[in-house]
Amino acid sequence: MGLDITHRKSTLKKPEKLTPSHTNYILESEFEGFDVGLDYFHNCIQNIDTPEILETIIFPKKENEIEEIKKFLSHVNHFLFEKDKENIEKSLQNFISKNQLSGNLLHSWETSEWTGFYIFRTKKQTGFYFEEIGEQRKGMNNLFWTRFSSDDIHNFTKKEDFEHAFKCVDFYWDSDTQDDVEQRIKMFKENFVDKYEPNKSWLSLSY
């Protein structure tokens, strides 16, 4: 946990990867936490492709952990167990065929306890795509919070917000050297301040 600062920029270009796990877009229906209204991004608002999950399937890696994983993933309805990847693939295709889900898209992910699959399709919704231009983890002094401490706003669009954040880049970790901080300052200027574009850029803060 801790502060993550990302320079995001709205764009008309659809992301190369768009899955339920890669959602570089903001919907009109979900627009919140900004210091401006949606119309600020009017140049990039359009009907965008968004993933719609039809089914989620979880394959636990250990049979004796199925019940525990079911409790943890209580929102998931389908849990199947197979001993190897070949049988997982067969079981998955059987599920797709049995439930008449052929022709949809498939996205997989893996943890130490399970392999998961999303069966999904895309649908059009109003919103805009965005790309990530720069990122910094922590590395700010206390002056940062005098401007950006808020319970409601965590996306800041003004050029002066970027400039204020730039002035706050500082020593943070005990191991920081002068060279570390100078490099941090250099990268923040290049990836945040210098690449700022009005009506497109915003500072996204997460904790």
Protein backbone atom coordinates (compact mmCIF):
# COMPACT_ATOMS: atom_id res chain seq x y z
CA MET A 1 0.00 0.00 0.00
CA GLY A 2 1.00 3.63 -0.43
CA LEU A 3 0.73 6.49 -2.85
CA ASP A 4 0.76 5.76 -6.59
CA ILE A 5 0.67 8.71 -8.98
CA THR A 6 -0.16 8.08 -12.64
CA HIS A 7 -0.32 10.48 -15.57
CA ARG A 8 -3.26 9.33 -17.65
CA LYS A 9 -4.34 10.84 -20.93
CA SER A 10 -7.62 10.40 -22.80
CA THR A 11 -7.33 9.17 -26.37
CA LEU A 12 -9.49 8.21 -29.33
CA LYS A 13 -7.32 5.16 -29.95
CA LYS A 14 -8.61 1.81 -28.74
CA PRO A 15 -6.10 -0.03 -26.50
CA GLU A 16 -4.31 -2.96 -28.13
CA LYS A 17 -5.37 -5.15 -25.21
CA LEU A 18 -8.93 -4.80 -23.96
CA THR A 19 -10.10 -7.55 -21.60
CA PRO A 20 -11.92 -7.73 -18.25
CA SER A 21 -8.46 -7.45 -16.65
CA HIS A 22 -7.24 -4.60 -18.89
CA THR A 23 -9.79 -1.79 -18.73
CA ASN A 24 -8.12 1.40 -19.96
CA TYR A 25 -11.36 3.28 -20.35
CA ILE A 26 -13.79 5.39 -18.33
CA LEU A 27 -17.54 5.17 -18.87
CA GLU A 28 -19.97 8.05 -18.74
CA SER A 29 -22.07 6.00 -16.31
CA GLU A 30 -19.10 5.50 -13.95
CA PHE A 31 -17.47 8.93 -14.19
CA GLU A 32 -16.59 10.15 -10.69
CA GLY A 33 -13.72 11.36 -8.52
CA PHE A 34 -12.62 14.08 -10.96
CA ASP A 35 -12.22 17.80 -10.34
CA VAL A 36 -14.06 18.48 -13.62
CA GLY A 37 -17.16 17.22 -15.38
CA LEU A 38 -17.14 14.60 -18.13
CA ASP A 39 -17.41 17.27 -20.83
CA TYR A 40 -13.81 18.32 -20.05
CA PHE A 41 -12.78 15.30 -22.13
CA HIS A 42 -15.22 16.10 -24.94
CA ASN A 43 -12.65 15.63 -27.71
CA CYS A 44 -12.26 11.94 -26.83
CA ILE A 45 -15.78 10.93 -25.79
CA GLN A 46 -17.25 8.35 -28.16
CA ASN A 47 -18.95 4.96 -28.29
CA ILE A 48 -16.20 2.65 -27.07
CA ASP A 49 -15.82 -1.13 -26.95
CA THR A 50 -16.08 -2.48 -23.40
CA PRO A 51 -15.77 -6.07 -22.17
CA GLU A 52 -18.93 -7.68 -20.82
CA ILE A 53 -18.28 -10.81 -18.76
CA LEU A 54 -20.69 -13.65 -19.55
CA GLU A 55 -19.19 -16.34 -17.33
CA THR A 56 -16.26 -16.76 -14.95
CA ILE A 57 -14.74 -20.22 -14.45
CA ILE A 58 -12.20 -21.09 -11.77
CA PHE A 59 -9.98 -24.18 -11.82
CA PRO A 60 -8.43 -24.66 -8.34
CA LYS A 61 -4.94 -26.15 -8.45
CA LYS A 62 -5.53 -28.36 -5.41
CA GLU A 63 -8.69 -30.39 -5.07
CA ASN A 64 -8.72 -30.10 -1.28
CA GLU A 65 -8.83 -26.27 -1.52
CA ILE A 66 -11.97 -26.01 -3.65
CA GLU A 67 -14.35 -25.21 -0.79
CA GLU A 68 -12.02 -22.58 0.64
CA ILE A 69 -11.64 -20.89 -2.75
CA LYS A 70 -15.41 -20.97 -3.25
CA LYS A 71 -15.83 -19.00 -0.04
CA PHE A 72 -13.17 -16.50 -1.11
CA LEU A 73 -14.66 -16.10 -4.60
CA SER A 74 -18.28 -16.16 -3.50
CA HIS A 75 -19.38 -14.12 -6.55
CA VAL A 76 -18.23 -16.88 -8.94
CA ASN A 77 -20.65 -19.68 -9.84
CA HIS A 78 -18.47 -22.16 -11.72
CA PHE A 79 -15.63 -24.13 -10.14
CA LEU A 80 -14.11 -27.11 -11.94
CA PHE A 81 -11.14 -29.28 -11.06
CA GLU A 82 -8.72 -30.92 -13.47
CA LYS A 83 -5.26 -32.30 -12.77
CA ASP A 84 -3.37 -30.84 -15.73
CA LYS A 85 -3.52 -28.10 -18.36
CA GLU A 86 -4.60 -30.44 -21.13
CA ASN A 87 -7.68 -31.54 -19.19
CA ILE A 88 -8.41 -27.96 -18.15
CA GLU A 89 -8.53 -27.01 -21.83
CA LYS A 90 -10.88 -29.91 -22.62
CA SER A 91 -13.11 -29.11 -19.66
CA LEU A 92 -13.22 -25.44 -20.62
CA GLN A 93 -14.20 -26.20 -24.22
CA ASN A 94 -16.88 -28.61 -23.01
CA PHE A 95 -18.29 -25.90 -20.77
CA ILE A 96 -18.33 -23.39 -23.64
CA SER A 97 -20.05 -25.86 -25.97
CA LYS A 98 -22.58 -27.04 -23.37
CA ASN A 99 -23.57 -23.47 -22.48
CA GLN A 100 -23.72 -22.26 -26.10
CA LEU A 101 -20.95 -19.73 -25.57
CA SER A 102 -18.98 -20.42 -28.73
CA GLY A 103 -17.88 -17.36 -30.68
CA ASN A 104 -17.18 -15.23 -27.61
CA LEU A 105 -13.82 -14.01 -26.36
CA LEU A 106 -11.67 -15.72 -23.73
CA HIS A 107 -9.24 -14.27 -21.22
CA SER A 108 -7.24 -16.28 -18.67
CA TRP A 109 -5.26 -15.38 -15.58
CA GLU A 110 -3.42 -17.37 -12.94
CA THR A 111 -2.64 -17.14 -9.23
CA SER A 112 -0.77 -19.51 -6.96
CA GLU A 113 -4.10 -21.17 -6.04
CA TRP A 114 -6.14 -21.22 -9.23
CA THR A 115 -6.40 -20.65 -12.97
CA GLY A 116 -9.28 -18.44 -13.99
CA PHE A 117 -11.09 -17.80 -17.27
CA TYR A 118 -13.41 -15.03 -18.35
CA ILE A 119 -15.75 -15.71 -21.22
CA PHE A 120 -16.75 -12.30 -22.49
CA ARG A 121 -17.93 -10.19 -25.39
CA THR A 122 -17.63 -6.51 -26.18
CA LYS A 123 -20.45 -4.00 -26.23
CA LYS A 124 -20.62 -0.31 -27.08
CA GLN A 125 -20.94 2.25 -24.29
CA THR A 126 -20.35 6.00 -24.05
CA GLY A 127 -17.01 6.98 -22.55
CA PHE A 128 -13.37 7.41 -23.50
CA TYR A 129 -10.21 5.36 -23.68
CA PHE A 130 -7.04 6.43 -21.90
CA GLU A 131 -3.34 5.64 -21.96
CA GLU A 132 -0.83 5.75 -19.13
CA ILE A 133 1.99 8.19 -19.80
CA GLY A 134 3.97 8.13 -16.55
CA GLU A 135 3.92 6.59 -13.09
CA GLN A 136 5.59 7.27 -9.77
CA ARG A 137 5.32 5.38 -6.50
CA LYS A 138 5.53 7.53 -3.38
CA GLY A 139 8.58 9.84 -3.43
CA MET A 140 6.67 12.99 -2.39
CA ASN A 141 7.11 15.37 0.57
CA ASN A 142 4.32 16.57 2.87
CA LEU A 143 3.51 19.61 0.70
CA PHE A 144 1.92 17.19 -1.74
CA TRP A 145 -0.93 16.54 0.68
CA THR A 146 -1.70 20.23 1.27
CA ARG A 147 -3.11 20.33 -2.26
CA PHE A 148 -4.27 16.79 -2.98
CA SER A 149 -5.74 15.51 0.30
CA SER A 150 -9.42 14.84 -0.48
CA ASP A 151 -12.03 12.24 0.34
CA ASP A 152 -13.90 12.78 -2.92
CA ILE A 153 -11.39 13.85 -5.59
CA HIS A 154 -8.52 11.62 -6.69
CA ASN A 155 -8.19 12.72 -10.34
CA PHE A 156 -6.71 16.18 -10.94
CA THR A 157 -6.67 17.83 -14.37
CA LYS A 158 -5.11 21.29 -14.05
CA LYS A 159 -1.62 22.13 -15.32
CA GLU A 160 -0.89 23.77 -11.97
CA ASP A 161 -1.69 20.43 -10.29
CA PHE A 162 1.07 18.81 -12.31
CA GLU A 163 3.44 21.67 -11.52
CA HIS A 164 2.66 21.54 -7.81
CA ALA A 165 3.24 17.80 -7.73
CA PHE A 166 6.54 18.31 -9.55
CA LYS A 167 7.71 20.69 -6.78
CA CYS A 168 6.91 18.00 -4.19
CA VAL A 169 9.18 15.28 -5.59
CA ASP A 170 11.72 14.78 -2.84
CA PHE A 171 13.68 12.43 -0.61
CA TYR A 172 11.40 9.72 0.71
CA TRP A 173 13.10 6.41 1.48
CA ASP A 174 15.96 6.21 3.97
CA SER A 175 18.11 4.78 1.20
CA ASP A 176 17.52 7.75 -1.13
CA THR A 177 20.65 9.49 -2.40
CA GLN A 178 20.90 12.86 -4.10
CA ASP A 179 21.28 11.07 -7.41
CA ASP A 180 18.10 9.05 -6.74
CA VAL A 181 16.08 12.19 -6.11
CA GLU A 182 17.52 14.04 -9.09
CA GLN A 183 16.60 11.12 -11.34
CA ARG A 184 13.10 11.01 -9.83
CA ILE A 185 12.68 14.73 -10.48
CA LYS A 186 13.94 14.35 -14.05
CA MET A 187 11.55 11.49 -14.83
CA PHE A 188 8.56 13.27 -13.29
CA LYS A 189 9.22 16.36 -15.37
CA GLU A 190 9.59 14.31 -18.56
CA ASN A 191 6.59 12.04 -18.03
CA PHE A 192 4.18 14.35 -16.24
CA VAL A 193 4.85 18.08 -16.69
CA ASP A 194 6.32 18.06 -20.20
CA LYS A 195 3.69 15.69 -21.59
CA TYR A 196 0.69 17.43 -20.08
CA GLU A 197 -2.16 18.20 -22.51
CA PRO A 198 -5.24 20.23 -21.55
CA ASN A 199 -8.59 18.42 -21.89
CA LYS A 200 -6.71 15.13 -22.01
CA SER A 201 -4.30 14.78 -19.07
CA TRP A 202 -5.00 14.07 -15.43
CA LEU A 203 -3.12 13.02 -12.31
CA SER A 204 -4.65 9.82 -10.98
CA LEU A 205 -3.92 9.13 -7.30
CA SER A 206 -4.38 5.80 -5.58
CA TYR A 207 -3.42 4.68 -2.11
